[in-house]
Protein backbone atom coordinates (compact mmCIF):
# COMPACT_ATOMS: atom_id res chain seq x y z
CA MET A 1 0.00 0.00 0.00
CA ALA A 2 1.33 3.43 -0.93
CA GLU A 3 2.34 5.74 1.89
CA MET A 4 -0.28 8.45 2.48
CA GLU A 5 0.10 11.72 4.29
CA PRO A 6 -1.67 11.92 7.68
CA GLU A 7 -3.64 15.00 6.56
CA TYR A 8 -5.02 13.08 3.60
CA LEU A 9 -5.91 10.09 5.79
CA LEU A 10 -7.70 12.41 8.22
CA ALA A 11 -9.83 13.88 5.44
CA LEU A 12 -10.49 10.44 3.95
CA ALA A 13 -11.47 8.92 7.31
CA GLN A 14 -13.79 11.85 8.04
CA GLN A 15 -15.61 11.23 4.75
CA PHE A 16 -15.83 7.49 5.38
CA GLY A 17 -17.10 8.14 8.90
CA PHE A 18 -19.78 10.54 7.72
CA LEU A 19 -20.92 8.31 4.85
CA GLY A 20 -20.79 5.20 7.04
CA ALA A 21 -22.97 6.83 9.69
CA PHE A 22 -25.43 8.21 7.12
CA LEU A 23 -25.72 5.03 5.04
CA GLY A 24 -25.83 2.94 8.22
CA GLY A 25 -28.92 4.91 9.22
CA VAL A 26 -30.47 4.32 5.80
CA SER A 27 -29.71 0.60 5.99
CA ALA A 28 -31.04 0.32 9.54
CA THR A 29 -34.22 2.15 8.56
CA LEU A 30 -34.74 -0.19 5.60
CA PHE A 31 -33.98 -3.17 7.86
CA VAL A 32 -36.50 -2.14 10.54
CA THR A 33 -39.16 -1.18 7.98
CA LEU A 34 -38.91 -4.55 6.26
CA LEU A 35 -38.81 -6.33 9.59
CA THR A 36 -42.01 -4.70 10.83
CA LEU A 37 -44.08 -4.17 7.68
CA ALA A 38 -43.24 -6.91 5.19
CA LYS A 39 -45.04 -10.22 5.06
CA PRO A 40 -42.67 -13.13 5.79
CA SER A 41 -41.23 -14.75 2.67
CA LEU A 42 -37.89 -15.91 1.35
CA LEU A 43 -37.35 -12.64 -0.54
CA VAL A 44 -38.19 -10.58 2.53
CA ARG A 45 -35.71 -12.57 4.59
CA TRP A 46 -33.00 -12.01 1.97
CA SER A 47 -33.75 -8.31 1.81
CA ILE A 48 -33.76 -8.01 5.61
CA GLY A 49 -30.48 -9.91 5.79
CA SER A 50 -28.87 -7.66 3.17
CA ALA A 51 -30.06 -4.51 4.93
CA ALA A 52 -28.79 -5.84 8.27
CA LEU A 53 -25.40 -6.69 6.73
CA GLY A 54 -25.22 -3.21 5.22
CA ALA A 55 -26.07 -1.54 8.54
CA ALA A 56 -23.50 -3.63 10.40
CA CYS A 57 -20.78 -2.91 7.83
CA PHE A 58 -21.49 0.82 7.95
CA ILE A 59 -21.27 0.76 11.75
CA ILE A 60 -17.87 -0.91 11.40
CA THR A 61 -16.86 1.74 8.84
CA ALA A 62 -17.80 4.58 11.17
CA TYR A 63 -16.05 2.92 14.10
CA MET A 64 -12.86 2.27 12.17
CA SER A 65 -12.83 5.78 10.77
CA VAL A 66 -12.52 7.00 14.36
CA GLY A 67 -9.47 4.76 14.70
CA VAL A 68 -7.90 6.14 11.53
CA ILE A 69 -8.57 9.71 12.69
CA ALA A 70 -7.12 8.96 16.13
CA GLN A 71 -4.00 7.38 14.62
CA ASN A 72 -3.37 10.21 12.17
CA HIS A 73 -4.22 13.22 14.28
CA PRO A 74 -1.23 15.55 14.73
CA LEU A 75 -1.35 15.11 18.51
CA SER A 76 -1.56 11.29 18.49
CA PRO A 77 1.41 9.13 19.47
CA ARG A 78 3.07 7.95 16.26
CA ALA A 79 3.51 4.40 17.59
CA SER A 80 -0.19 3.71 17.10
CA LEU A 81 0.03 4.69 13.41
CA GLU A 82 2.88 2.30 12.75
CA SER A 83 1.33 -0.64 14.62
CA SER A 84 -2.12 -0.93 13.08
CA GLY A 85 -2.68 1.94 10.63
CA THR A 86 -2.89 -0.15 7.47
CA LEU A 87 -5.09 -2.83 9.04
CA VAL A 88 -7.59 -0.29 10.36
CA LEU A 89 -7.60 1.63 7.08
CA MET A 90 -8.22 -1.53 5.04
CA GLY A 91 -10.94 -2.65 7.46
CA MET A 92 -12.65 0.71 7.10
CA TYR A 93 -12.51 0.53 3.32
CA LEU A 94 -13.60 -3.11 3.00
CA SER A 95 -16.51 -2.74 5.42
CA PHE A 96 -17.66 0.33 3.47
CA VAL A 97 -17.54 -1.49 0.12
CA ILE A 98 -19.36 -4.53 1.50
CA GLY A 99 -21.94 -2.25 3.12
CA VAL A 100 -22.62 -0.42 -0.15
CA PHE A 101 -23.17 -3.63 -2.08
CA ALA A 102 -25.32 -5.10 0.71
CA LEU A 103 -27.49 -1.97 0.72
CA LEU A 104 -27.82 -2.14 -3.07
CA ALA A 105 -28.78 -5.81 -2.79
CA ALA A 106 -31.44 -4.98 -0.21
CA ILE A 107 -32.82 -2.27 -2.50
CA GLY A 108 -32.81 -4.60 -5.49
CA ILE A 109 -34.49 -7.46 -3.65
CA SER A 110 -37.04 -5.36 -1.76
CA GLY A 111 -39.16 -4.57 -4.81
CA TRP A 112 -39.80 -8.25 -5.43
CA THR A 113 -41.60 -8.47 -2.08
CA ARG A 114 -44.45 -6.37 -3.56
CA SER A 115 -44.72 -7.31 -7.24
CA LYS A 116 -42.83 -8.53 -10.29
CA PRO A 117 -42.90 -5.16 -12.08
CA LEU A 118 -41.60 -3.37 -8.99
CA GLY A 119 -38.98 -6.11 -8.58
CA TYR A 120 -37.75 -5.49 -12.11
CA VAL A 121 -37.51 -1.76 -11.43
CA THR A 122 -35.66 -2.03 -8.11
CA THR A 123 -33.31 -4.68 -9.46
CA ALA A 124 -32.53 -2.51 -12.50
CA VAL A 125 -31.95 0.55 -10.31
CA ALA A 126 -29.64 -1.34 -7.94
CA GLY A 127 -27.83 -2.97 -10.87
CA LEU A 128 -27.30 0.36 -12.62
CA ALA A 129 -26.03 1.88 -9.38
CA ALA A 130 -23.60 -1.02 -8.94
CA LEU A 131 -22.04 -0.61 -12.40
CA PRO A 132 -19.92 2.50 -11.68
CA LEU A 133 -18.96 1.03 -8.32
CA LEU A 134 -17.76 -2.18 -9.95
CA ALA A 135 -15.92 -0.18 -12.62
CA ASP A 136 -14.17 1.84 -9.90
CA LEU A 137 -13.17 -1.33 -8.04
CA ALA A 138 -11.80 -2.86 -11.24
CA ALA A 139 -9.68 0.21 -11.98
């Protein structure tokens, strides 16, 4: 992994923390809504599971972003940066990516719980949203 300046890592971790907290709230809201309002079925269970995975991953992202910020703050002891900086940074990134795809899966699956036409629409929307993300990961 290329060496990054602490100022850059601070800014990056702040963005991941904000997005993780925001998208975690969206995922948790979708999770609870499906849990309380949807009729039990296999598709509902898959959608609930995807939303729960997304919420959990975004919580991990927000938590780990605090670790990255703490390790790269100008007043932090430098020993903490050298001991686990890369591991925490990679954990933050991976949990964010998994959370995004889990949230997209929950969105794509959720339409099928109501009707086939709505299922086609939500699957298409989630699939189209995933394309630039997959292209970015492949780059």
